N, C-alpha and C. Protein backbone atom coordinates (compact mmCIF):
# COMPACT_ATOMS: atom_id res chain seq x y z
N MET A 1 8.27 -45.67 36.53
CA MET A 1 8.78 -44.56 35.76
C MET A 1 9.37 -45.10 34.46
N ARG A 2 9.06 -44.41 33.39
CA ARG A 2 9.54 -44.84 32.09
C ARG A 2 10.77 -44.04 31.72
N ILE A 3 11.79 -44.68 31.23
CA ILE A 3 13.03 -44.01 30.81
C ILE A 3 13.03 -43.96 29.29
N LEU A 4 13.16 -42.76 28.77
CA LEU A 4 13.18 -42.59 27.32
C LEU A 4 14.59 -42.80 26.79
N PRO A 5 14.70 -43.42 25.66
CA PRO A 5 16.04 -43.60 25.09
C PRO A 5 16.59 -42.26 24.62
N LYS A 6 17.90 -42.09 24.72
CA LYS A 6 18.53 -40.84 24.35
C LYS A 6 18.87 -40.79 22.86
N VAL A 7 18.55 -41.82 22.15
CA VAL A 7 18.85 -41.89 20.73
C VAL A 7 17.62 -41.43 19.95
N VAL A 8 17.84 -40.56 18.99
CA VAL A 8 16.76 -40.10 18.13
C VAL A 8 16.48 -41.20 17.12
N THR A 9 15.25 -41.61 17.03
CA THR A 9 14.90 -42.70 16.13
C THR A 9 14.23 -42.16 14.88
N TRP A 10 15.00 -41.64 14.01
CA TRP A 10 14.51 -41.15 12.72
C TRP A 10 14.84 -42.19 11.66
N SER A 11 13.85 -42.54 10.93
CA SER A 11 14.12 -43.40 9.78
C SER A 11 14.27 -42.51 8.55
N ARG A 12 14.90 -43.04 7.56
CA ARG A 12 15.09 -42.26 6.34
C ARG A 12 13.74 -41.92 5.72
N ARG A 13 12.82 -42.83 5.78
CA ARG A 13 11.48 -42.61 5.23
C ARG A 13 10.76 -41.49 5.99
N GLY A 14 10.85 -41.49 7.30
CA GLY A 14 10.23 -40.44 8.11
C GLY A 14 10.86 -39.08 7.84
N PHE A 15 12.18 -39.08 7.69
CA PHE A 15 12.88 -37.83 7.39
C PHE A 15 12.44 -37.27 6.04
N LEU A 16 12.38 -38.13 5.03
CA LEU A 16 11.97 -37.68 3.69
C LEU A 16 10.52 -37.22 3.68
N ARG A 17 9.65 -37.92 4.42
CA ARG A 17 8.26 -37.52 4.49
C ARG A 17 8.14 -36.14 5.15
N GLY A 18 8.84 -35.94 6.25
CA GLY A 18 8.81 -34.64 6.93
C GLY A 18 9.38 -33.54 6.05
N GLY A 19 10.47 -33.85 5.35
CA GLY A 19 11.06 -32.86 4.45
C GLY A 19 10.14 -32.51 3.30
N GLY A 20 9.43 -33.52 2.80
CA GLY A 20 8.48 -33.27 1.71
C GLY A 20 7.32 -32.41 2.16
N LEU A 21 6.83 -32.66 3.37
CA LEU A 21 5.75 -31.82 3.90
C LEU A 21 6.22 -30.39 4.12
N ALA A 22 7.43 -30.25 4.64
CA ALA A 22 7.97 -28.91 4.88
C ALA A 22 8.16 -28.17 3.55
N LEU A 23 8.65 -28.88 2.55
CA LEU A 23 8.84 -28.27 1.24
C LEU A 23 7.50 -27.85 0.64
N GLY A 24 6.50 -28.71 0.79
CA GLY A 24 5.16 -28.36 0.29
C GLY A 24 4.59 -27.15 1.00
N ALA A 25 4.76 -27.10 2.32
CA ALA A 25 4.27 -25.95 3.09
C ALA A 25 5.00 -24.68 2.70
N ALA A 26 6.31 -24.80 2.47
CA ALA A 26 7.09 -23.63 2.08
C ALA A 26 6.68 -23.14 0.69
N ALA A 27 6.25 -24.04 -0.17
CA ALA A 27 5.84 -23.63 -1.51
C ALA A 27 4.43 -23.04 -1.51
N VAL A 28 3.55 -23.54 -0.65
CA VAL A 28 2.16 -23.10 -0.65
C VAL A 28 1.97 -21.82 0.15
N ALA A 29 2.69 -21.65 1.24
CA ALA A 29 2.49 -20.49 2.12
C ALA A 29 2.68 -19.16 1.39
N PRO A 30 3.76 -18.96 0.62
CA PRO A 30 3.87 -17.68 -0.07
C PRO A 30 2.75 -17.46 -1.08
N ALA A 31 2.30 -18.51 -1.72
CA ALA A 31 1.21 -18.36 -2.68
C ALA A 31 -0.07 -17.93 -1.97
N ALA A 32 -0.29 -18.47 -0.78
CA ALA A 32 -1.48 -18.10 -0.03
C ALA A 32 -1.39 -16.66 0.47
N LEU A 33 -0.18 -16.24 0.80
CA LEU A 33 0.00 -14.89 1.30
C LEU A 33 0.17 -13.87 0.17
N ALA A 34 0.24 -14.34 -1.05
CA ALA A 34 0.51 -13.46 -2.17
C ALA A 34 -0.70 -12.65 -2.62
N MET A 35 -1.86 -12.90 -2.03
CA MET A 35 -3.02 -12.08 -2.39
C MET A 35 -2.68 -10.63 -2.08
N PRO A 36 -2.77 -9.78 -3.06
CA PRO A 36 -2.39 -8.39 -2.82
C PRO A 36 -3.19 -7.79 -1.67
N ALA A 37 -2.48 -7.08 -0.82
CA ALA A 37 -3.13 -6.44 0.32
C ALA A 37 -4.13 -5.40 -0.15
N ALA A 38 -3.87 -4.81 -1.32
CA ALA A 38 -4.77 -3.79 -1.83
C ALA A 38 -6.18 -4.34 -2.04
N ASP A 39 -6.28 -5.61 -2.44
CA ASP A 39 -7.60 -6.20 -2.64
C ASP A 39 -8.38 -6.25 -1.33
N GLY A 40 -7.71 -6.65 -0.26
CA GLY A 40 -8.37 -6.70 1.03
C GLY A 40 -8.67 -5.33 1.58
N LEU A 41 -7.74 -4.40 1.42
CA LEU A 41 -7.94 -3.05 1.93
C LEU A 41 -9.01 -2.29 1.15
N ALA A 42 -9.13 -2.59 -0.13
CA ALA A 42 -10.12 -1.90 -0.95
C ALA A 42 -11.54 -2.23 -0.52
N GLY A 43 -11.73 -3.37 0.13
CA GLY A 43 -13.05 -3.75 0.61
C GLY A 43 -13.58 -2.85 1.70
N ALA A 44 -12.70 -2.08 2.33
CA ALA A 44 -13.11 -1.17 3.41
C ALA A 44 -13.77 0.09 2.88
N PHE A 45 -13.72 0.31 1.59
CA PHE A 45 -14.30 1.52 0.99
C PHE A 45 -15.79 1.29 0.77
N GLN A 46 -16.59 1.70 1.75
CA GLN A 46 -18.03 1.50 1.68
C GLN A 46 -18.72 2.57 0.84
N THR A 47 -18.27 3.80 0.96
CA THR A 47 -18.91 4.90 0.24
C THR A 47 -18.55 4.88 -1.24
N LEU A 48 -17.27 4.73 -1.53
CA LEU A 48 -16.80 4.79 -2.92
C LEU A 48 -16.84 3.43 -3.61
N GLY A 49 -16.83 2.36 -2.84
CA GLY A 49 -16.86 1.01 -3.40
C GLY A 49 -15.47 0.41 -3.52
N PRO A 50 -15.38 -0.92 -3.49
CA PRO A 50 -14.09 -1.60 -3.53
C PRO A 50 -13.30 -1.36 -4.81
N ALA A 51 -13.96 -1.29 -5.96
CA ALA A 51 -13.24 -1.08 -7.21
C ALA A 51 -12.59 0.31 -7.23
N THR A 52 -13.33 1.32 -6.80
CA THR A 52 -12.77 2.67 -6.73
C THR A 52 -11.66 2.72 -5.69
N GLY A 53 -11.86 2.04 -4.56
CA GLY A 53 -10.83 2.00 -3.53
C GLY A 53 -9.55 1.36 -4.02
N LYS A 54 -9.66 0.28 -4.77
CA LYS A 54 -8.48 -0.39 -5.31
C LYS A 54 -7.72 0.52 -6.26
N THR A 55 -8.45 1.23 -7.11
CA THR A 55 -7.81 2.15 -8.04
C THR A 55 -7.15 3.30 -7.29
N LEU A 56 -7.82 3.84 -6.28
CA LEU A 56 -7.24 4.94 -5.50
C LEU A 56 -5.99 4.50 -4.76
N LEU A 57 -5.99 3.27 -4.24
CA LEU A 57 -4.79 2.75 -3.57
C LEU A 57 -3.63 2.63 -4.54
N ARG A 58 -3.90 2.11 -5.72
CA ARG A 58 -2.83 1.97 -6.72
C ARG A 58 -2.34 3.34 -7.16
N MET A 59 -3.27 4.26 -7.34
CA MET A 59 -2.91 5.62 -7.75
C MET A 59 -2.06 6.30 -6.68
N ALA A 60 -2.47 6.16 -5.42
CA ALA A 60 -1.71 6.77 -4.32
C ALA A 60 -0.30 6.21 -4.27
N ARG A 61 -0.15 4.92 -4.47
CA ARG A 61 1.17 4.30 -4.46
C ARG A 61 2.01 4.76 -5.65
N ASP A 62 1.37 5.03 -6.78
CA ASP A 62 2.10 5.50 -7.95
C ASP A 62 2.49 6.97 -7.83
N VAL A 63 1.64 7.77 -7.20
CA VAL A 63 1.94 9.19 -7.04
C VAL A 63 3.01 9.40 -5.98
N PHE A 64 2.95 8.62 -4.91
CA PHE A 64 3.93 8.70 -3.82
C PHE A 64 4.55 7.32 -3.60
N PRO A 65 5.48 6.92 -4.47
CA PRO A 65 6.02 5.56 -4.38
C PRO A 65 7.06 5.42 -3.26
N HIS A 66 6.78 4.53 -2.34
CA HIS A 66 7.72 4.18 -1.28
C HIS A 66 7.68 2.67 -1.12
N ASP A 67 8.75 2.01 -1.50
CA ASP A 67 8.79 0.55 -1.42
C ASP A 67 8.69 0.04 0.01
N ARG A 68 9.13 0.86 0.97
CA ARG A 68 9.14 0.41 2.37
C ARG A 68 7.79 0.57 3.06
N LEU A 69 6.84 1.19 2.41
CA LEU A 69 5.53 1.40 3.03
C LEU A 69 4.54 0.34 2.56
N ALA A 70 3.84 -0.23 3.51
CA ALA A 70 2.81 -1.22 3.19
C ALA A 70 1.57 -0.51 2.67
N ASP A 71 0.72 -1.26 2.00
CA ASP A 71 -0.51 -0.70 1.45
C ASP A 71 -1.42 -0.12 2.52
N ARG A 72 -1.33 -0.62 3.74
CA ARG A 72 -2.23 -0.13 4.79
C ARG A 72 -2.00 1.34 5.10
N TYR A 73 -0.75 1.82 4.94
CA TYR A 73 -0.48 3.24 5.18
C TYR A 73 -1.13 4.10 4.10
N TYR A 74 -1.13 3.60 2.88
CA TYR A 74 -1.81 4.31 1.80
C TYR A 74 -3.32 4.28 2.01
N ALA A 75 -3.84 3.16 2.48
CA ALA A 75 -5.28 3.07 2.76
C ALA A 75 -5.66 4.03 3.89
N ASP A 76 -4.80 4.13 4.90
CA ASP A 76 -5.06 5.08 5.98
C ASP A 76 -5.05 6.52 5.47
N ALA A 77 -4.20 6.79 4.49
CA ALA A 77 -4.11 8.14 3.94
C ALA A 77 -5.31 8.48 3.06
N ILE A 78 -5.90 7.48 2.44
CA ILE A 78 -7.06 7.71 1.58
C ILE A 78 -8.36 7.72 2.39
N ALA A 79 -8.34 7.16 3.57
CA ALA A 79 -9.55 7.07 4.40
C ALA A 79 -10.24 8.42 4.63
N PRO A 80 -9.52 9.53 4.84
CA PRO A 80 -10.23 10.81 4.98
C PRO A 80 -11.03 11.19 3.73
N CYS A 81 -10.53 10.86 2.55
CA CYS A 81 -11.29 11.11 1.31
C CYS A 81 -12.57 10.29 1.31
N GLU A 82 -12.46 9.05 1.74
CA GLU A 82 -13.64 8.17 1.81
C GLU A 82 -14.68 8.75 2.76
N ARG A 83 -14.24 9.19 3.94
CA ARG A 83 -15.18 9.76 4.91
C ARG A 83 -15.80 11.05 4.39
N ALA A 84 -14.96 11.90 3.78
CA ALA A 84 -15.47 13.17 3.25
C ALA A 84 -16.43 12.94 2.10
N ALA A 85 -16.18 11.92 1.29
CA ALA A 85 -17.07 11.62 0.17
C ALA A 85 -18.44 11.17 0.66
N GLY A 86 -18.50 10.60 1.85
CA GLY A 86 -19.78 10.20 2.43
C GLY A 86 -20.64 11.39 2.82
N LYS A 87 -19.99 12.53 3.07
CA LYS A 87 -20.72 13.73 3.49
C LYS A 87 -20.90 14.74 2.37
N ASP A 88 -20.07 14.65 1.34
CA ASP A 88 -20.08 15.64 0.26
C ASP A 88 -20.33 14.95 -1.08
N PRO A 89 -21.55 15.06 -1.62
CA PRO A 89 -21.85 14.39 -2.89
C PRO A 89 -20.99 14.88 -4.05
N ALA A 90 -20.59 16.15 -4.02
CA ALA A 90 -19.75 16.67 -5.10
C ALA A 90 -18.38 16.01 -5.08
N LEU A 91 -17.82 15.81 -3.90
CA LEU A 91 -16.52 15.13 -3.78
C LEU A 91 -16.65 13.68 -4.20
N LYS A 92 -17.72 13.04 -3.79
CA LYS A 92 -17.94 11.64 -4.18
C LYS A 92 -18.01 11.52 -5.70
N ALA A 93 -18.73 12.44 -6.34
CA ALA A 93 -18.83 12.42 -7.80
C ALA A 93 -17.47 12.67 -8.44
N LEU A 94 -16.70 13.62 -7.89
CA LEU A 94 -15.37 13.92 -8.42
C LEU A 94 -14.48 12.68 -8.37
N LEU A 95 -14.48 11.99 -7.23
CA LEU A 95 -13.63 10.81 -7.08
C LEU A 95 -14.09 9.66 -7.96
N GLN A 96 -15.38 9.39 -7.97
CA GLN A 96 -15.88 8.28 -8.79
C GLN A 96 -15.73 8.56 -10.27
N ASP A 97 -16.01 9.79 -10.70
CA ASP A 97 -15.85 10.14 -12.11
C ASP A 97 -14.38 10.13 -12.51
N GLY A 98 -13.51 10.60 -11.62
CA GLY A 98 -12.08 10.60 -11.91
C GLY A 98 -11.53 9.20 -12.06
N VAL A 99 -11.93 8.31 -11.17
CA VAL A 99 -11.49 6.91 -11.26
C VAL A 99 -12.06 6.26 -12.51
N ALA A 100 -13.31 6.55 -12.83
CA ALA A 100 -13.92 5.97 -14.03
C ALA A 100 -13.19 6.44 -15.29
N GLU A 101 -12.84 7.72 -15.34
CA GLU A 101 -12.11 8.24 -16.50
C GLU A 101 -10.71 7.63 -16.58
N LEU A 102 -10.05 7.48 -15.45
CA LEU A 102 -8.72 6.86 -15.42
C LEU A 102 -8.80 5.41 -15.88
N ASP A 103 -9.82 4.70 -15.45
CA ASP A 103 -10.00 3.32 -15.89
C ASP A 103 -10.31 3.24 -17.39
N ARG A 104 -11.12 4.18 -17.88
CA ARG A 104 -11.43 4.18 -19.32
C ARG A 104 -10.16 4.43 -20.14
N ALA A 105 -9.33 5.36 -19.70
CA ALA A 105 -8.08 5.63 -20.41
C ALA A 105 -7.17 4.41 -20.37
N ALA A 106 -7.13 3.72 -19.25
CA ALA A 106 -6.29 2.52 -19.14
C ALA A 106 -6.81 1.40 -20.04
N VAL A 107 -8.12 1.25 -20.11
CA VAL A 107 -8.69 0.22 -20.98
C VAL A 107 -8.42 0.55 -22.44
N ARG A 108 -8.54 1.83 -22.81
CA ARG A 108 -8.25 2.23 -24.19
C ARG A 108 -6.79 1.93 -24.57
N ARG A 109 -5.87 2.24 -23.67
CA ARG A 109 -4.44 2.09 -24.01
C ARG A 109 -3.89 0.71 -23.73
N PHE A 110 -4.36 0.06 -22.66
CA PHE A 110 -3.73 -1.19 -22.23
C PHE A 110 -4.69 -2.37 -22.13
N GLY A 111 -5.97 -2.13 -22.38
CA GLY A 111 -6.93 -3.22 -22.39
C GLY A 111 -7.37 -3.72 -21.02
N GLN A 112 -7.07 -2.97 -19.97
CA GLN A 112 -7.47 -3.36 -18.62
C GLN A 112 -7.58 -2.13 -17.73
N PRO A 113 -8.32 -2.22 -16.63
CA PRO A 113 -8.46 -1.06 -15.73
C PRO A 113 -7.12 -0.64 -15.15
N TYR A 114 -7.08 0.58 -14.66
CA TYR A 114 -5.84 1.17 -14.15
C TYR A 114 -5.17 0.31 -13.09
N ALA A 115 -5.93 -0.19 -12.14
CA ALA A 115 -5.35 -0.97 -11.04
C ALA A 115 -4.75 -2.28 -11.51
N GLU A 116 -5.14 -2.76 -12.69
CA GLU A 116 -4.63 -4.03 -13.20
C GLU A 116 -3.44 -3.86 -14.14
N VAL A 117 -3.11 -2.64 -14.53
CA VAL A 117 -1.96 -2.41 -15.41
C VAL A 117 -0.70 -2.75 -14.63
N ALA A 118 0.08 -3.68 -15.15
CA ALA A 118 1.22 -4.21 -14.39
C ALA A 118 2.42 -3.27 -14.37
N ALA A 119 2.73 -2.64 -15.48
CA ALA A 119 3.95 -1.83 -15.57
C ALA A 119 3.74 -0.45 -14.95
N GLU A 120 4.61 -0.11 -14.03
CA GLU A 120 4.50 1.19 -13.35
C GLU A 120 4.64 2.34 -14.33
N ASP A 121 5.53 2.21 -15.30
CA ASP A 121 5.71 3.29 -16.29
C ASP A 121 4.43 3.54 -17.08
N ASP A 122 3.70 2.49 -17.38
CA ASP A 122 2.43 2.65 -18.10
C ASP A 122 1.40 3.39 -17.24
N ARG A 123 1.36 3.04 -15.96
CA ARG A 123 0.42 3.72 -15.06
C ARG A 123 0.81 5.19 -14.88
N VAL A 124 2.10 5.45 -14.77
CA VAL A 124 2.56 6.83 -14.61
C VAL A 124 2.22 7.65 -15.85
N SER A 125 2.32 7.05 -17.03
CA SER A 125 1.95 7.79 -18.25
C SER A 125 0.47 8.17 -18.23
N LEU A 126 -0.37 7.30 -17.70
CA LEU A 126 -1.79 7.63 -17.56
C LEU A 126 -1.99 8.77 -16.57
N LEU A 127 -1.23 8.76 -15.48
CA LEU A 127 -1.36 9.82 -14.48
C LEU A 127 -0.86 11.15 -15.01
N LYS A 128 0.20 11.13 -15.81
CA LYS A 128 0.72 12.38 -16.38
C LYS A 128 -0.32 13.04 -17.29
N ALA A 129 -1.15 12.24 -17.92
CA ALA A 129 -2.18 12.79 -18.80
C ALA A 129 -3.27 13.52 -18.03
N ILE A 130 -3.46 13.20 -16.75
CA ILE A 130 -4.53 13.83 -15.97
C ILE A 130 -4.00 14.70 -14.84
N GLU A 131 -2.69 14.92 -14.78
CA GLU A 131 -2.11 15.58 -13.61
C GLU A 131 -2.55 17.02 -13.41
N GLN A 132 -3.06 17.68 -14.42
CA GLN A 132 -3.52 19.07 -14.25
C GLN A 132 -5.00 19.15 -13.87
N GLY A 133 -5.68 18.03 -13.90
CA GLY A 133 -7.12 18.02 -13.62
C GLY A 133 -7.45 18.07 -12.14
N PRO A 134 -8.69 18.41 -11.81
CA PRO A 134 -9.09 18.55 -10.40
C PRO A 134 -9.05 17.22 -9.63
N PHE A 135 -9.34 16.11 -10.29
CA PHE A 135 -9.30 14.81 -9.62
C PHE A 135 -7.89 14.49 -9.14
N PHE A 136 -6.93 14.59 -10.02
CA PHE A 136 -5.54 14.30 -9.65
C PHE A 136 -5.05 15.27 -8.58
N GLN A 137 -5.35 16.54 -8.74
CA GLN A 137 -4.90 17.54 -7.77
C GLN A 137 -5.51 17.29 -6.39
N LYS A 138 -6.76 16.85 -6.35
CA LYS A 138 -7.40 16.54 -5.07
C LYS A 138 -6.71 15.37 -4.38
N ILE A 139 -6.47 14.31 -5.12
CA ILE A 139 -5.81 13.13 -4.54
C ILE A 139 -4.39 13.49 -4.11
N ARG A 140 -3.65 14.16 -4.96
CA ARG A 140 -2.27 14.52 -4.63
C ARG A 140 -2.23 15.42 -3.41
N GLY A 141 -3.07 16.43 -3.37
CA GLY A 141 -3.07 17.36 -2.24
C GLY A 141 -3.44 16.70 -0.93
N ASP A 142 -4.46 15.85 -0.96
CA ASP A 142 -4.88 15.17 0.27
C ASP A 142 -3.86 14.13 0.71
N MET A 143 -3.24 13.46 -0.24
CA MET A 143 -2.26 12.43 0.10
C MET A 143 -1.00 13.01 0.73
N VAL A 144 -0.60 14.19 0.31
CA VAL A 144 0.60 14.80 0.89
C VAL A 144 0.43 14.94 2.39
N THR A 145 -0.69 15.49 2.80
CA THR A 145 -0.89 15.69 4.24
C THR A 145 -1.24 14.39 4.94
N SER A 146 -2.10 13.58 4.36
CA SER A 146 -2.54 12.36 5.04
C SER A 146 -1.42 11.34 5.19
N LEU A 147 -0.61 11.19 4.17
CA LEU A 147 0.45 10.17 4.22
C LEU A 147 1.61 10.62 5.10
N TYR A 148 2.08 11.83 4.89
CA TYR A 148 3.28 12.27 5.58
C TYR A 148 3.02 12.84 6.97
N ASP A 149 1.77 13.07 7.34
CA ASP A 149 1.45 13.46 8.72
C ASP A 149 1.20 12.26 9.62
N ASN A 150 1.23 11.07 9.06
CA ASN A 150 1.01 9.85 9.82
C ASN A 150 2.30 9.50 10.57
N LYS A 151 2.26 9.60 11.89
CA LYS A 151 3.47 9.37 12.69
C LYS A 151 3.97 7.93 12.59
N ALA A 152 3.12 6.99 12.22
CA ALA A 152 3.56 5.61 12.05
C ALA A 152 4.44 5.46 10.81
N VAL A 153 4.32 6.38 9.86
CA VAL A 153 5.10 6.33 8.63
C VAL A 153 6.49 6.92 8.84
N TRP A 154 6.62 7.86 9.75
CA TRP A 154 7.88 8.58 9.93
C TRP A 154 9.09 7.67 10.12
N PRO A 155 9.06 6.71 11.03
CA PRO A 155 10.25 5.87 11.19
C PRO A 155 10.57 5.04 9.95
N LEU A 156 9.55 4.67 9.20
CA LEU A 156 9.77 3.88 7.99
C LEU A 156 10.48 4.70 6.91
N LEU A 157 10.30 6.02 6.96
CA LEU A 157 10.96 6.90 6.01
C LEU A 157 12.26 7.47 6.56
N GLY A 158 12.58 7.15 7.81
CA GLY A 158 13.81 7.64 8.42
C GLY A 158 13.69 9.02 9.02
N TYR A 159 12.49 9.53 9.14
CA TYR A 159 12.28 10.86 9.71
C TYR A 159 12.12 10.72 11.22
N GLU A 160 12.85 11.51 11.96
CA GLU A 160 12.84 11.40 13.42
C GLU A 160 11.72 12.19 14.07
N GLY A 161 11.00 12.94 13.31
CA GLY A 161 9.88 13.69 13.85
C GLY A 161 10.24 15.14 14.12
N SER A 162 9.27 15.84 14.64
CA SER A 162 9.44 17.25 14.93
C SER A 162 10.51 17.44 15.99
N SER A 163 11.25 18.53 15.88
CA SER A 163 12.36 18.76 16.79
C SER A 163 12.13 19.92 17.73
N TRP A 164 11.12 20.74 17.50
CA TRP A 164 10.97 21.94 18.31
C TRP A 164 10.67 21.61 19.77
N GLU A 165 9.98 20.47 20.01
CA GLU A 165 9.68 20.09 21.39
C GLU A 165 10.94 19.70 22.15
N LYS A 166 11.99 19.36 21.43
CA LYS A 166 13.23 18.88 22.04
C LYS A 166 14.34 19.90 21.95
N GLY A 167 13.99 21.16 21.73
CA GLY A 167 15.00 22.21 21.70
C GLY A 167 15.46 22.63 20.32
N GLY A 168 14.88 22.11 19.29
CA GLY A 168 15.24 22.49 17.94
C GLY A 168 16.33 21.61 17.35
N TYR A 169 16.59 21.83 16.08
CA TYR A 169 17.57 21.00 15.39
C TYR A 169 19.00 21.34 15.76
N LEU A 170 19.28 22.61 16.04
CA LEU A 170 20.65 23.00 16.36
C LEU A 170 21.13 22.33 17.64
N ALA A 171 20.27 22.26 18.64
CA ALA A 171 20.65 21.66 19.91
C ALA A 171 20.74 20.14 19.82
N ARG A 172 20.10 19.56 18.84
CA ARG A 172 20.09 18.10 18.70
C ARG A 172 21.09 17.61 17.68
N GLY A 173 21.81 18.49 17.04
CA GLY A 173 22.70 18.05 15.97
C GLY A 173 21.96 18.03 14.66
N PHE A 174 21.75 19.21 14.09
CA PHE A 174 20.92 19.32 12.90
C PHE A 174 21.49 18.56 11.71
N ASN A 175 22.74 18.18 11.79
CA ASN A 175 23.36 17.52 10.64
C ASN A 175 23.32 16.00 10.76
N ASP A 176 22.49 15.45 11.63
CA ASP A 176 22.37 13.99 11.73
C ASP A 176 21.26 13.47 10.82
N ILE A 177 21.26 13.95 9.61
CA ILE A 177 20.18 13.62 8.67
C ILE A 177 20.57 12.42 7.82
N ASP A 178 20.70 11.28 8.44
CA ASP A 178 21.03 10.08 7.68
C ASP A 178 19.88 9.62 6.81
N TRP A 179 18.69 10.19 7.01
CA TRP A 179 17.54 9.81 6.19
C TRP A 179 17.54 10.49 4.84
N LEU A 180 18.36 11.53 4.66
CA LEU A 180 18.34 12.29 3.42
C LEU A 180 19.16 11.64 2.35
């Protein structure tokens, strides 16, 4: 039987080497994870295409900004539009033409497509210019129901869910609205 010594045998050189590797890993890991999730999620848009999907994701986040929501919730909310566009050529044309026009306006004003414009205020100014049009109204209307009807989003927004199944708000303490 071999008896191991109870003394840790760390040399200064081994400690510095391990610390250097840990520091390098800590510096590289965030850079590797920094690829925007929107780029990966936009690839799931088969009918509309990844470029249109990326723009729609950015637009959805700008129209309904929630810092606590990940991009996947916005992608889930846009997915019904993607499926409907596969069955309805008019809707597909509306979405693709709307995204193309939004990108053209962004290129005219900022020299890059809408999804690449860094400043949120600049993107919002582009959206304000089209907010009365059918493209914007379609996205806004569908996003309201798709995003806020997602039960996975409710806890992230502090909403406790429907109360009628549990006797209504009065019986549960209707004034416990810490989410407001």
